[in-house]
Amino acid sequence: MSDQKQVLDSLFDGLYTVTCERKITYWNNAAEEITGYTAEELVGTYCYDGPLKHVDKEGNDLCSDGCPLTWAISHRCKHEDEIFLKHKDGFRVPINVRVSPLCDSTGRVHGASELFKDNTPTGAIAERLAELEELALVDPLTRLANAKYAREQIEQSLKEMQRYPLKVGVAIFKIDNIDLFIKAHGRKAFDQFQTIASQTLAHNSRPLDLIARIDEGCFLGIFRNVTDNLLDSTCEKMRLLFAKSSFPLGGATISGTFSAGGHCLRNDDNYTNVIEHCHKYLSECQKDGGNRSRVSIRLLKVKE
């Protein structure tokens, strides 16, 4: 192994290089750890035709339009962005990418490199999981918090709001057409799909947020320091990312959607009406065909 390759393989961040045609020529060890894909699986393939399928926060497919690598090659300069890759297990991972053109001794661009960092709040997730396991508050299927812990946290937030000016949003995410999915693909596939949903939500939340599974195909998120509009955009981001997730099954690629209903806590709220608000908007979304999100927006009175 050359000294240069040894250095690149020892980086904490993922790194890969491509030709001008976006054929992958190098894939380091950290890239394998972040994505689940080995160098043997990806070197020699074209990134636009491969399994990573980068999207932005609006769910737009960057591999066909808006690829950071293509931008670096065509503009001959460095570029940085925050995007989402698809892990080998099917869920979406938030990453920060830094792309640079690669030039030969004459200055001719012959490819590009992408250095990427996993933005998942892993430290906070691991610390919280250890705490919940000790208290028997972990959902056994997804390894998220369970419904009991989610309720305790909502009630605690409501108490704290009586003393401090907190802004906390709650949202319920539910997989669409659960019965049809189980009938078509079976119970085992549905459990795998629930795991992908849980990982998409957990990997794309912030360190102070909480994601819990509260029922079959149903998840609850508690998001701190959010306004109505920020909660709305968070629910929409999660919906779009999950719609772009998938997993292989029997030679086919299985995907699906979920809907979301959200509510920002008010001083006069209690746990029951918070959940009722979320379910109300969630039900409206699913009645309208699913793959939607809706949040209660507080209307401010205008002084006459």
Protein backbone atom coordinates (compact mmCIF):
# COMPACT_ATOMS: atom_id res chain seq x y z
CA MET A 1 0.00 0.00 0.00
CA SER A 2 1.38 3.45 -0.95
CA ASP A 3 1.87 6.08 1.74
CA GLN A 4 -0.66 8.32 -0.01
CA LYS A 5 -3.38 5.66 -0.06
CA GLN A 6 -2.65 4.77 3.56
CA VAL A 7 -3.16 8.40 4.56
CA LEU A 8 -6.42 8.67 2.59
CA ASP A 9 -7.73 5.39 4.02
CA SER A 10 -7.03 6.63 7.56
CA LEU A 11 -9.21 9.76 7.22
CA PHE A 12 -12.24 10.05 9.51
CA ASP A 13 -14.28 11.55 6.64
CA GLY A 14 -15.42 9.70 3.55
CA LEU A 15 -13.52 10.40 0.34
CA TYR A 16 -13.97 9.30 -3.25
CA THR A 17 -12.74 10.44 -6.63
CA VAL A 18 -14.30 10.35 -10.08
CA THR A 19 -13.34 10.98 -13.67
CA CYS A 20 -14.97 13.75 -15.69
CA GLU A 21 -17.56 11.15 -16.72
CA ARG A 22 -18.19 10.53 -12.96
CA LYS A 23 -16.73 7.05 -12.96
CA ILE A 24 -15.60 6.24 -9.40
CA THR A 25 -11.86 5.58 -9.22
CA TYR A 26 -11.25 5.56 -5.47
CA TRP A 27 -13.36 4.94 -2.35
CA ASN A 28 -11.77 5.14 1.12
CA ASN A 29 -12.47 3.20 4.33
CA ALA A 30 -14.50 5.97 5.98
CA ALA A 31 -16.74 6.11 2.89
CA GLU A 32 -17.45 2.41 3.43
CA GLU A 33 -18.33 2.99 7.10
CA ILE A 34 -20.66 5.93 6.39
CA THR A 35 -22.52 4.41 3.43
CA GLY A 36 -22.33 0.65 4.03
CA TYR A 37 -20.90 0.14 0.52
CA THR A 38 -17.41 -1.30 -0.01
CA ALA A 39 -14.83 -0.10 -2.50
CA GLU A 40 -15.26 -3.39 -4.38
CA GLU A 41 -18.94 -2.57 -4.90
CA LEU A 42 -18.47 0.99 -6.15
CA VAL A 43 -15.04 1.50 -7.76
CA GLY A 44 -15.52 1.24 -11.52
CA THR A 45 -19.19 2.22 -11.41
CA TYR A 46 -20.65 5.59 -12.34
CA CYS A 47 -21.87 7.60 -9.34
CA TYR A 48 -24.97 8.87 -11.20
CA ASP A 49 -26.01 5.29 -11.94
CA GLY A 50 -25.09 3.82 -8.55
CA PRO A 51 -26.87 3.20 -5.26
CA LEU A 52 -26.06 6.41 -3.34
CA LYS A 53 -28.69 8.51 -5.11
CA HIS A 54 -27.96 11.87 -3.47
CA VAL A 55 -30.93 14.20 -2.87
CA ASP A 56 -31.26 17.69 -1.41
CA LYS A 57 -33.59 18.70 1.44
CA GLU A 58 -36.44 19.16 -1.06
CA GLY A 59 -35.99 15.57 -2.24
CA ASN A 60 -34.60 16.58 -5.65
CA ASP A 61 -32.44 13.93 -7.34
CA LEU A 62 -28.96 15.47 -7.57
CA CYS A 63 -27.47 12.62 -9.57
CA SER A 64 -29.45 13.65 -12.64
CA ASP A 65 -29.51 17.41 -12.04
CA GLY A 66 -27.40 19.43 -9.60
CA CYS A 67 -24.57 17.00 -8.86
CA PRO A 68 -21.88 18.76 -6.74
CA LEU A 69 -19.13 16.84 -8.56
CA THR A 70 -20.38 17.98 -11.95
CA TRP A 71 -20.51 21.54 -10.63
CA ALA A 72 -16.87 21.37 -9.45
CA ILE A 73 -15.71 19.96 -12.80
CA SER A 74 -17.60 22.42 -14.98
CA HIS A 75 -16.81 25.50 -12.84
CA ARG A 76 -13.23 24.42 -12.04
CA CYS A 77 -13.58 25.42 -8.40
CA LYS A 78 -14.39 24.05 -4.95
CA HIS A 79 -17.94 23.72 -3.67
CA GLU A 80 -19.59 22.81 -0.34
CA ASP A 81 -23.15 21.62 0.30
CA GLU A 82 -25.40 19.69 2.69
CA ILE A 83 -27.16 16.76 1.05
CA PHE A 84 -28.49 13.27 1.83
CA LEU A 85 -27.18 9.91 0.61
CA LYS A 86 -28.95 6.56 0.70
CA HIS A 87 -27.28 4.05 3.03
CA LYS A 88 -26.97 0.43 1.91
CA ASP A 89 -29.64 -0.47 4.48
CA GLY A 90 -32.08 1.90 2.76
CA PHE A 91 -32.35 4.94 5.03
CA ARG A 92 -31.21 8.50 4.33
CA VAL A 93 -28.04 9.91 5.92
CA PRO A 94 -27.36 13.67 6.16
CA ILE A 95 -23.87 14.57 4.95
CA ASN A 96 -21.78 17.66 4.44
CA VAL A 97 -19.87 17.43 1.15
CA ARG A 98 -16.83 19.33 -0.06
CA VAL A 99 -16.00 18.82 -3.72
CA SER A 100 -12.90 19.92 -5.61
CA PRO A 101 -11.80 19.58 -9.25
CA LEU A 102 -8.72 17.41 -9.89
CA CYS A 103 -6.20 18.83 -12.35
CA ASP A 104 -3.11 17.43 -14.05
CA SER A 105 0.26 19.19 -14.32
CA THR A 106 -0.97 21.30 -17.24
CA GLY A 107 -4.03 22.52 -15.35
CA ARG A 108 -6.49 20.36 -17.30
CA VAL A 109 -9.38 19.07 -15.19
CA HIS A 110 -9.52 15.27 -15.30
CA GLY A 111 -11.99 14.57 -12.53
CA ALA A 112 -13.11 15.60 -9.06
CA SER A 113 -12.97 14.51 -5.44
CA GLU A 114 -15.71 14.52 -2.81
CA LEU A 115 -14.93 14.63 0.91
CA PHE A 116 -18.04 13.94 2.97
CA LYS A 117 -18.88 13.91 6.66
CA ASP A 118 -21.78 12.17 8.38
CA ASN A 119 -23.93 14.84 10.08
CA THR A 120 -25.89 12.35 12.19
CA PRO A 121 -25.84 13.32 15.89
CA THR A 122 -24.38 9.91 16.83
CA GLY A 123 -23.03 10.88 20.24
CA ALA A 124 -26.38 12.16 21.47
CA ILE A 125 -28.21 9.12 20.08
CA ALA A 126 -25.84 6.62 21.73
CA GLU A 127 -25.94 8.41 25.08
CA ARG A 128 -29.75 8.60 25.08
CA LEU A 129 -30.08 4.93 24.02
CA ALA A 130 -27.92 3.75 26.92
CA GLU A 131 -30.02 5.79 29.33
CA LEU A 132 -33.31 4.46 27.95
CA GLU A 133 -32.16 0.84 27.94
CA GLU A 134 -31.37 1.09 31.63
CA LEU A 135 -34.90 2.39 32.29
CA ALA A 136 -36.59 -0.14 29.93
CA LEU A 137 -37.87 2.68 27.71
CA VAL A 138 -36.53 1.39 24.37
CA ASP A 139 -38.65 0.07 21.51
CA PRO A 140 -37.23 -3.43 20.79
CA LEU A 141 -37.73 -3.32 17.00
CA THR A 142 -36.24 0.06 16.10
CA ARG A 143 -34.06 0.79 19.16
CA LEU A 144 -35.79 4.18 19.47
CA ALA A 145 -37.49 5.53 22.57
CA ASN A 146 -40.89 3.95 23.21
CA ALA A 147 -44.36 5.50 23.63
CA LYS A 148 -44.10 5.73 27.42
CA TYR A 149 -40.92 7.80 27.28
CA ALA A 150 -42.33 10.03 24.52
CA ARG A 151 -45.35 10.84 26.71
CA GLU A 152 -43.13 11.62 29.70
CA GLN A 153 -41.09 14.03 27.60
CA ILE A 154 -44.14 15.86 26.24
CA GLU A 155 -45.59 16.23 29.74
CA GLN A 156 -42.22 17.45 31.03
CA SER A 157 -42.00 20.02 28.23
CA LEU A 158 -45.51 21.30 29.06
CA LYS A 159 -44.48 21.77 32.72
CA GLU A 160 -41.28 23.57 31.75
CA MET A 161 -43.25 25.93 29.50
CA GLN A 162 -45.04 27.27 32.58
CA ARG A 163 -41.68 28.60 33.85
CA TYR A 164 -39.60 29.21 30.72
CA PRO A 165 -40.33 30.61 27.22
CA LEU A 166 -39.74 27.29 25.44
CA LYS A 167 -40.66 26.54 21.84
CA VAL A 168 -41.35 22.84 21.37
CA GLY A 169 -43.00 21.09 18.43
CA VAL A 170 -44.49 17.59 18.33
CA ALA A 171 -45.20 15.61 15.18
CA ILE A 172 -46.58 12.15 14.46
CA PHE A 173 -45.32 10.33 11.36
CA LYS A 174 -47.25 7.30 10.11
CA ILE A 175 -46.45 4.98 7.21
CA ASP A 176 -49.16 5.17 4.55
CA ASN A 177 -51.26 2.15 3.52
CA ILE A 178 -49.84 -0.21 6.17
CA ASP A 179 -52.36 -3.01 5.57
CA LEU A 180 -51.74 -2.99 1.83
CA PHE A 181 -47.97 -3.04 2.36
CA ILE A 182 -48.14 -6.07 4.70
CA LYS A 183 -50.49 -7.88 2.32
CA ALA A 184 -48.18 -7.26 -0.65
CA HIS A 185 -44.79 -7.84 0.99
CA GLY A 186 -45.31 -9.62 4.31
CA ARG A 187 -44.74 -8.87 7.96
CA LYS A 188 -40.96 -9.25 7.87
CA ALA A 189 -40.60 -6.73 5.07
CA PHE A 190 -42.84 -4.30 6.96
CA ASP A 191 -40.65 -4.54 10.05
CA GLN A 192 -37.65 -3.78 7.85
CA PHE A 193 -39.55 -0.82 6.42
CA GLN A 194 -40.32 0.45 9.92
CA THR A 195 -36.60 0.26 10.71
CA ILE A 196 -35.77 2.33 7.62
CA ALA A 197 -38.37 4.92 8.68
CA SER A 198 -36.92 5.04 12.19
CA GLN A 199 -33.36 5.46 10.93
CA THR A 200 -34.35 8.17 8.46
CA LEU A 201 -36.03 10.14 11.26
CA ALA A 202 -33.24 9.57 13.81
CA HIS A 203 -30.35 10.33 11.46
CA ASN A 204 -31.94 13.56 10.26
CA SER A 205 -32.99 15.01 13.61
CA ARG A 206 -30.89 17.29 15.81
CA PRO A 207 -29.11 16.31 19.07
CA LEU A 208 -31.84 17.81 21.32
CA ASP A 209 -34.71 16.27 19.34
CA LEU A 210 -36.34 12.97 20.28
CA ILE A 211 -37.73 10.31 17.94
CA ALA A 212 -39.87 7.48 19.34
CA ARG A 213 -41.93 4.62 17.91
CA ILE A 214 -45.37 4.79 19.50
CA ASP A 215 -47.34 2.20 17.49
CA GLU A 216 -47.20 -0.02 14.40
CA GLY A 217 -45.68 2.07 11.62
CA CYS A 218 -46.19 5.19 13.74
CA PHE A 219 -43.47 7.48 15.11
CA LEU A 220 -43.44 10.61 17.22
CA GLY A 221 -40.91 13.41 17.09
CA ILE A 222 -40.29 16.08 19.72
CA PHE A 223 -38.44 19.03 18.22
CA ARG A 224 -37.02 21.75 20.45
CA ASN A 225 -36.52 25.43 19.63
CA VAL A 226 -38.92 25.43 16.70
CA THR A 227 -41.58 27.81 15.43
CA ASP A 228 -44.72 26.67 13.60
CA ASN A 229 -43.00 27.27 10.27
CA LEU A 230 -39.81 25.44 11.27
CA LEU A 231 -41.84 22.45 12.50
CA ASP A 232 -43.70 22.49 9.20
CA SER A 233 -40.44 22.49 7.19
CA THR A 234 -38.98 19.74 9.42
CA CYS A 235 -42.00 17.48 8.81
CA GLU A 236 -41.80 18.16 5.11
CA LYS A 237 -38.06 17.40 5.00
CA MET A 238 -38.59 14.07 6.80
CA ARG A 239 -41.44 13.16 4.45
CA LEU A 240 -39.38 13.87 1.35
CA LEU A 241 -36.35 11.95 2.63
CA PHE A 242 -38.40 8.88 3.54
CA ALA A 243 -40.09 8.90 0.12
CA LYS A 244 -36.56 8.67 -1.37
CA SER A 245 -35.61 5.67 0.82
CA SER A 246 -35.94 2.03 -0.26
CA PHE A 247 -34.61 -1.50 0.21
CA PRO A 248 -34.18 -4.55 -2.04
CA LEU A 249 -36.61 -7.47 -1.70
CA GLY A 250 -36.76 -10.51 -3.97
CA GLY A 251 -35.11 -8.78 -6.90
CA ALA A 252 -37.32 -5.70 -6.59
CA THR A 253 -36.82 -2.35 -4.87
CA ILE A 254 -39.40 -1.62 -2.20
CA SER A 255 -40.29 1.92 -1.22
CA GLY A 256 -43.19 3.78 0.31
CA THR A 257 -44.28 6.98 2.01
CA PHE A 258 -45.46 8.36 5.30
CA SER A 259 -47.63 11.29 6.30
CA ALA A 260 -47.14 13.66 9.21
CA GLY A 261 -49.24 15.86 11.46
CA GLY A 262 -47.65 18.38 13.81
CA HIS A 263 -48.42 20.88 16.56
CA CYS A 264 -46.31 23.41 18.48
CA LEU A 265 -47.00 23.28 22.21
CA ARG A 266 -49.04 26.09 23.79
CA ASN A 267 -49.17 27.08 27.45
CA ASP A 268 -52.75 25.82 27.79
CA ASP A 269 -52.07 22.44 26.15
CA ASN A 270 -52.12 19.03 27.82
CA TYR A 271 -50.78 15.72 26.54
CA THR A 272 -54.16 14.52 25.25
CA ASN A 273 -54.97 17.53 23.10
CA VAL A 274 -51.40 17.68 21.75
CA ILE A 275 -51.77 14.13 20.44
CA GLU A 276 -55.29 14.90 19.18
CA HIS A 277 -53.99 17.89 17.22
CA CYS A 278 -51.25 15.78 15.61
CA HIS A 279 -53.61 12.92 14.75
CA LYS A 280 -56.15 15.37 13.31
CA TYR A 281 -53.69 16.75 10.77
CA LEU A 282 -52.17 13.31 10.14
CA SER A 283 -55.62 11.86 9.38
CA GLU A 284 -56.39 14.73 7.00
CA CYS A 285 -53.15 14.03 5.13
CA GLN A 286 -53.85 10.32 4.79
CA LYS A 287 -57.45 10.95 3.72
CA ASP A 288 -56.08 13.22 1.00
CA GLY A 289 -54.01 10.34 -0.38
CA GLY A 290 -50.99 10.23 1.93
CA ASN A 291 -47.40 11.35 1.40
CA ARG A 292 -48.29 14.73 2.90
CA SER A 293 -47.52 16.74 6.01
CA ARG A 294 -49.58 19.34 7.82
CA VAL A 295 -48.93 21.42 10.93
CA SER A 296 -51.23 23.60 13.01
CA ILE A 297 -50.27 27.21 12.34
CA ARG A 298 -51.10 29.80 14.97
CA LEU A 299 -52.90 32.78 13.45
CA LEU A 300 -51.75 36.07 14.91
CA LYS A 301 -54.40 38.72 15.45
CA VAL A 302 -53.74 41.94 13.58
CA LYS A 303 -54.30 45.11 15.58
CA GLU A 304 -56.86 47.39 13.99
